[in-house]
Protein backbone atom coordinates (compact mmCIF):
# COMPACT_ATOMS: atom_id res chain seq x y z
CA MET A 1 -0.01 -0.07 -0.23
CA SER A 2 1.44 3.13 -1.11
CA LEU A 3 1.87 5.85 1.80
CA THR A 4 0.48 8.72 -0.01
CA ARG A 5 -3.14 6.92 -0.16
CA PHE A 6 -3.73 7.88 3.04
CA THR A 7 -4.21 11.53 4.18
CA LEU A 8 -2.79 12.99 8.11
CA ARG A 9 -6.61 13.92 7.90
CA GLN A 10 -7.28 10.92 8.11
CA ILE A 11 -4.82 9.64 10.80
CA GLU A 12 -5.32 12.80 13.01
CA THR A 13 -9.43 11.97 12.35
CA PHE A 14 -9.08 8.14 13.76
CA VAL A 15 -7.10 9.38 16.97
CA CYS A 16 -9.01 11.92 17.72
CA VAL A 17 -12.42 9.73 17.59
CA ALA A 18 -10.43 7.05 19.74
CA GLU A 19 -9.56 9.49 22.17
CA LEU A 20 -12.79 10.22 22.77
CA GLN A 21 -14.63 7.47 21.83
CA SER A 22 -17.73 9.77 19.89
CA PHE A 23 -17.74 10.69 15.94
CA GLY A 24 -19.66 14.13 17.69
CA GLY A 25 -17.35 15.22 20.19
CA ALA A 26 -14.16 14.86 17.46
CA ALA A 27 -16.27 16.51 14.95
CA GLN A 28 -16.40 19.28 17.29
CA ARG A 29 -12.57 19.17 18.01
CA LEU A 30 -12.14 19.32 14.63
CA GLY A 31 -14.02 22.10 13.51
CA LEU A 32 -15.91 19.00 10.84
CA THR A 33 -19.77 18.39 10.68
CA PRO A 34 -20.39 14.55 12.34
CA GLN A 35 -21.00 13.27 8.40
CA ALA A 36 -17.38 14.59 7.89
CA VAL A 37 -15.62 12.62 10.16
CA SER A 38 -18.36 9.61 10.18
CA GLN A 39 -16.86 9.92 6.04
CA LEU A 40 -13.02 10.23 6.90
CA VAL A 41 -12.54 7.19 9.04
CA ALA A 42 -14.41 4.94 6.44
CA GLU A 43 -12.57 6.24 4.23
CA PHE A 44 -9.28 5.39 6.07
CA GLU A 45 -10.62 1.78 6.99
CA GLY A 46 -11.24 1.12 3.05
CA LEU A 47 -7.49 2.19 2.57
CA LEU A 48 -6.21 -0.04 5.59
CA GLY A 49 -8.62 -3.33 4.73
CA PHE A 50 -9.93 -3.17 8.26
CA ARG A 51 -12.25 -1.96 11.02
CA LEU A 52 -10.83 0.82 13.02
CA PHE A 53 -14.41 0.51 15.10
CA ASP A 54 -16.92 -1.38 16.48
CA ARG A 55 -20.41 1.15 16.28
CA THR A 56 -23.61 0.98 18.32
CA THR A 57 -26.52 3.56 18.15
CA ARG A 58 -25.09 4.76 21.86
CA ARG A 59 -21.11 4.25 21.60
CA VAL A 60 -18.67 4.00 19.72
CA THR A 61 -15.51 1.50 20.66
CA LEU A 62 -11.90 0.75 19.33
CA SER A 63 -11.77 -2.69 17.42
CA SER A 64 -9.19 -5.36 18.06
CA ALA A 65 -7.54 -4.86 14.74
CA GLY A 66 -7.96 -0.21 16.17
CA ARG A 67 -6.46 -0.88 19.10
CA ASP A 68 -3.39 -2.83 17.31
CA PHE A 69 -3.12 -0.26 14.92
CA LEU A 70 -3.81 2.68 17.65
CA ALA A 71 -0.20 2.94 18.34
CA SER A 72 1.29 3.87 15.00
CA ALA A 73 -1.07 6.08 13.85
CA GLU A 74 0.16 8.12 17.53
CA THR A 75 3.12 8.00 16.73
CA LEU A 76 2.86 9.01 13.01
CA LEU A 77 0.93 12.18 14.17
CA ARG A 78 3.23 12.83 16.67
CA TYR A 79 6.16 12.93 14.84
CA ALA A 80 3.57 14.80 12.10
CA ARG A 81 3.49 17.59 14.31
CA ALA A 82 7.07 17.87 15.21
CA ALA A 83 7.73 18.31 11.95
CA GLU A 84 5.26 20.66 11.31
CA SER A 85 6.60 22.89 14.60
CA ALA A 86 10.00 22.93 13.34
CA ALA A 87 8.69 24.25 9.83
CA ASP A 88 7.41 27.00 11.83
CA ASP A 89 10.43 27.77 13.49
CA VAL A 90 12.21 27.26 10.19
CA ARG A 91 10.29 30.04 8.82
CA ASN A 92 10.37 32.50 11.73
CA ARG A 93 13.97 32.22 11.37
CA ALA A 94 13.75 30.65 14.76
CA ALA A 95 15.64 27.08 13.81
CA GLY A 96 18.51 26.80 11.75
CA VAL A 97 22.38 26.70 11.06
CA VAL A 98 24.42 29.53 9.94
CA ARG A 99 27.83 29.71 8.55
CA ILE A 100 29.75 33.05 8.90
CA GLY A 101 33.51 33.49 8.34
CA ALA A 102 35.73 36.61 10.21
CA PRO A 103 39.17 37.35 10.03
CA LEU A 104 40.99 36.56 13.59
CA VAL A 105 39.87 39.35 15.59
CA LEU A 106 36.19 39.82 14.72
CA ALA A 107 36.03 35.71 15.00
CA SER A 108 37.42 36.04 18.24
CA THR A 109 35.75 38.84 19.90
CA ALA A 110 32.78 40.45 18.18
CA LEU A 111 31.22 37.38 16.95
CA PRO A 112 31.15 35.17 19.80
CA ALA A 113 29.13 38.18 22.24
CA ALA A 114 27.01 39.05 18.92
CA ILE A 115 26.05 35.07 19.12
CA ARG A 116 25.68 35.32 22.51
CA GLN A 117 23.14 37.58 22.43
CA TYR A 118 21.10 36.54 19.17
CA GLN A 119 21.30 33.34 20.52
CA ALA A 120 19.37 33.91 24.28
CA LYS A 121 16.31 34.76 22.08
CA ARG A 122 16.72 32.63 19.54
CA PRO A 123 18.03 29.74 20.72
CA LYS A 124 17.88 26.82 18.16
CA VAL A 125 19.88 28.68 16.21
CA VAL A 126 23.00 27.20 15.47
CA ILE A 127 25.66 29.40 14.21
CA ARG A 128 29.27 27.79 13.67
CA VAL A 129 32.20 30.95 13.06
CA ARG A 130 35.42 30.10 10.02
CA ASP A 131 38.23 32.09 11.21
CA LEU A 132 39.59 32.91 7.60
CA ALA A 133 42.23 35.06 6.27
CA VAL A 134 40.72 38.38 4.87
CA ASP A 135 41.70 37.80 1.24
CA ALA A 136 39.58 34.01 1.83
CA LEU A 137 36.49 36.15 2.86
CA VAL A 138 34.59 36.76 0.25
CA ASP A 139 35.78 33.13 -1.77
CA ALA A 140 34.65 31.33 0.66
CA VAL A 141 30.71 32.96 0.61
CA GLU A 142 31.31 32.67 -3.78
CA ALA A 143 32.58 28.97 -3.11
CA GLY A 144 28.89 28.16 -0.96
CA ASP A 145 31.67 27.23 2.41
CA VAL A 146 29.90 30.05 4.26
CA ASP A 147 26.68 31.61 4.51
CA LEU A 148 28.09 34.78 5.24
CA ALA A 149 31.26 36.74 5.97
CA VAL A 150 32.48 39.55 8.02
CA GLY A 151 36.05 41.25 7.21
CA PRO A 152 37.38 44.81 5.09
CA ASP A 153 36.10 45.58 2.14
CA ARG A 154 37.31 43.87 -0.43
CA ARG A 155 36.03 43.80 -3.99
CA VAL A 156 33.58 41.64 -5.21
CA GLY A 157 32.31 40.27 -8.57
CA ASP A 158 28.26 39.16 -9.66
CA SER A 159 27.82 36.24 -7.28
CA VAL A 160 29.03 37.96 -4.00
CA CYS A 161 26.94 41.04 -2.56
CA ARG A 162 28.85 43.62 -0.51
CA GLU A 163 27.29 45.87 2.60
CA VAL A 164 29.15 48.26 4.53
CA LEU A 165 28.94 47.67 8.21
CA PHE A 166 30.93 50.19 9.75
CA HIS A 167 33.97 52.73 9.61
CA SER A 168 36.85 51.59 11.73
CA GLN A 169 39.67 54.29 11.24
CA TRP A 170 43.70 53.47 11.57
CA VAL A 171 45.49 54.29 14.49
CA LEU A 172 48.82 53.41 15.85
CA TRP A 173 49.09 50.82 18.90
CA CYS A 174 52.36 50.68 20.98
CA ALA A 175 53.06 49.87 24.58
CA ARG A 176 52.61 52.44 27.41
CA THR A 177 56.01 53.14 27.44
CA HIS A 178 57.10 53.95 23.54
CA PRO A 179 57.97 57.27 23.32
CA LEU A 180 55.05 58.01 21.23
CA ALA A 181 52.39 56.96 23.99
CA ARG A 182 52.15 60.48 25.73
CA ARG A 183 51.71 62.27 23.05
CA ARG A 184 47.91 63.18 22.20
CA VAL A 185 48.16 63.49 18.56
CA LEU A 186 50.54 61.45 16.32
CA ARG A 187 50.61 62.58 12.27
CA TRP A 188 52.42 60.19 9.35
CA SER A 189 55.46 61.85 9.61
CA ASP A 190 56.40 61.90 13.34
CA LEU A 191 56.26 57.87 12.54
CA ARG A 192 59.13 57.90 9.89
CA ASN A 193 61.40 56.35 11.71
CA ILE A 194 59.28 54.41 13.98
CA PRO A 195 59.96 50.99 14.12
CA LEU A 196 56.12 49.17 13.02
CA VAL A 197 55.24 45.86 12.63
CA ALA A 198 52.50 45.23 10.02
CA ALA A 199 50.38 42.08 10.16
CA GLY A 200 49.41 39.85 7.14
CA ARG A 201 49.36 40.79 3.70
CA ASP A 202 45.94 42.90 4.42
CA HIS A 203 47.66 45.05 6.56
CA GLU A 204 50.93 45.00 4.41
CA HIS A 205 48.33 46.39 1.76
CA SER A 206 46.58 49.19 3.94
CA VAL A 207 50.20 50.63 5.01
CA ALA A 208 51.64 50.86 1.64
CA GLN A 209 48.22 52.55 0.44
CA MET A 210 48.48 55.10 3.04
CA ARG A 211 52.55 55.41 2.01
CA LEU A 212 50.58 56.55 -1.69
CA SER A 213 48.14 58.73 0.40
CA THR A 214 50.50 60.79 2.20
CA PRO A 215 52.89 63.04 0.59
CA GLU A 216 56.71 61.98 0.20
CA GLY A 217 58.61 63.03 3.17
CA GLU A 218 55.60 61.74 5.61
CA ARG A 219 55.63 57.95 4.21
CA VAL A 220 56.30 55.48 6.48
CA THR A 221 57.59 51.69 5.91
CA PRO A 222 57.00 48.26 8.27
CA VAL A 223 59.82 46.89 9.24
CA ASP A 224 58.61 43.33 9.68
CA VAL A 225 55.59 41.62 8.22
CA VAL A 226 53.71 38.78 10.23
CA ASP A 227 50.92 36.46 9.78
CA ASN A 228 48.28 37.48 12.38
CA ILE A 229 47.31 40.55 14.04
CA SER A 230 47.77 39.11 17.81
CA THR A 231 51.37 38.45 16.72
CA ALA A 232 51.97 42.18 15.82
CA LEU A 233 50.33 42.68 19.10
CA GLY A 234 52.33 40.80 21.34
CA ILE A 235 55.60 42.12 19.89
CA ALA A 236 54.49 46.02 20.14
CA ALA A 237 53.37 45.13 23.94
CA HIS A 238 57.19 44.53 24.63
CA GLY A 239 58.29 47.69 23.44
CA LEU A 240 60.10 46.03 20.14
CA ALA A 241 57.81 48.31 17.98
CA ALA A 242 54.65 49.70 16.88
CA THR A 243 51.63 48.29 15.06
CA LEU A 244 49.14 50.12 12.48
CA ALA A 245 45.62 49.08 13.00
CA PRO A 246 42.15 49.38 13.09
CA ALA A 247 40.50 50.87 15.71
CA TYR A 248 38.36 48.00 15.96
CA VAL A 249 41.38 45.97 17.17
CA GLY A 250 41.30 47.27 20.51
CA ALA A 251 38.64 44.39 21.29
CA LEU A 252 41.71 42.40 21.39
CA ALA A 253 44.58 45.21 21.85
CA THR A 254 43.62 46.01 25.36
CA SER A 255 44.49 42.60 27.39
CA PHE A 256 47.81 43.61 25.64
CA ASP A 257 47.65 46.39 27.54
CA LEU A 258 48.94 48.46 24.74
CA VAL A 259 47.31 52.24 24.05
CA MET A 260 45.85 53.89 20.89
CA LYS A 261 47.39 56.50 19.25
CA ARG A 262 44.75 59.07 16.61
CA VAL A 263 46.98 59.63 13.58
CA GLU A 264 46.05 62.53 11.55
CA ASP A 265 46.12 64.59 8.73
CA PRO A 266 44.90 62.61 7.41
CA GLU A 267 42.59 60.19 9.27
CA THR A 268 42.84 57.03 7.37
CA MET A 269 39.19 54.96 7.37
CA ARG A 270 39.20 51.21 7.33
CA SER A 271 35.49 49.77 6.23
CA VAL A 272 34.41 46.75 7.01
CA CYS A 273 31.51 44.65 5.13
CA LEU A 274 29.75 41.82 5.27
CA TYR A 275 29.46 39.96 2.21
CA GLN A 276 26.63 37.09 1.47
CA SER A 277 25.56 35.31 -1.62
CA ALA A 278 24.41 37.10 -4.72
CA THR A 279 23.15 33.86 -6.63
CA ARG A 280 22.41 31.63 -3.66
CA PRO A 281 18.75 33.19 -2.02
CA LEU A 282 19.80 32.97 1.80
CA SER A 283 17.69 31.21 4.74
CA PRO A 284 15.59 32.49 7.08
CA ALA A 285 17.83 31.63 9.69
CA VAL A 286 20.46 33.10 7.54
CA SER A 287 18.60 36.02 6.89
CA GLY A 288 17.48 36.78 10.30
CA PHE A 289 20.72 36.79 11.52
CA ALA A 290 22.20 38.62 8.94
CA GLU A 291 19.53 41.48 9.58
CA PHE A 292 20.43 41.57 13.06
CA LEU A 293 24.10 41.17 12.55
CA GLY A 294 24.11 44.22 10.87
CA PRO A 295 23.56 47.30 13.47
CA TRP A 296 24.93 45.34 16.56
CA LEU A 297 28.33 45.44 14.48
CA ASN A 298 28.03 49.26 14.51
CA ALA A 299 27.25 49.31 18.04
CA TRP A 300 30.03 46.75 18.90
CA SER A 301 32.18 48.98 16.86
CA THR A 302 31.73 52.33 18.64
CA GLU A 303 31.83 51.21 22.32
CA ALA A 304 35.10 49.46 21.20
CA TRP A 305 36.59 53.12 19.92
CA HIS A 306 35.24 54.81 22.99
CA ALA A 307 36.56 51.70 25.43
CA SER A 308 40.32 52.03 23.90
CA PRO A 309 42.77 53.44 25.79
CA THR A 310 43.30 57.32 24.96
CA ALA A 311 40.78 56.85 22.56
CA SER A 312 39.19 60.30 21.85
CA LYS A 313 36.68 60.84 19.42
CA PRO A 314 37.46 61.13 15.39
CA ARG A 315 36.69 64.28 14.08
CA THR A 316 33.78 64.81 11.67
CA ASN A 317 35.51 66.91 8.91
CA GLU A 318 35.60 64.50 6.29
CA GLN A 319 37.60 66.33 4.31
CA ALA A 320 40.61 65.53 6.53
CA ARG A 321 40.40 61.44 6.31
CA ILE A 322 40.73 58.93 3.32
CA ARG A 323 39.60 54.89 3.78
CA VAL A 324 41.37 52.12 2.90
CA ASN A 325 39.86 49.53 0.97
């Protein structure tokens, strides 16, 4: 017998009549007429090939075959209701799996905090974080390895969408004992003879762009390039060099007891973006988390800026800034 030959409505009706031992009671609970309930049961019996109830003018009782079959029908109905509930959760963004990629700082500081807050309201949403190199973010989204990615601004093709979430100023991070630590404001010319360490190809590329955007006599060159920002911060913490990094790195830099110094004329900005596929539709769970994450990260970046040691608010003069992508 094909499973598609009977319906969940027939099973639901059978279980309801068995529980109430009444066609009329079942009709009232199910919002049907007694005649409709009787017809559903008769059709179900015809498909099964045996009687489910013994009927008299006064009562309705399960037949011997009906009693044997009832447990299986109840199990099937229970699983059907669980599936319906799961579908409601998915449709309402209350359940599902979200895979998100981010570079080290965001993956280890911002995202865990965001996930904890989001899952407090949607505990059935599973969010898995992949720490990725900056240059791998767009490729991971394009290949479908992650649903979303968050990180510095990168070029995208037609298959990936990019949304700018916030801007963060490039600043100098140095030890409290560093010669520049007591300076209120720095200019690029102040860094010419200062040992600097850059973190990774992304930071090396950004420092190079900053060199091109500043006057010839004020360009800076890193003395060393390391793979990870945590290594650069550790070197800076021991006073061996300072490092240039976006202000949001303060979420990690403060644990190294580093201070943040603004570098002006011009102020150089880093854009942090959310990446998602332009060709594959997002699941409700992914879409819901993406909508939450944008405003949350914007607020987080502002808080990280004000929480950083010696930080001051950025100037509003857009003419004194450039952006590094």
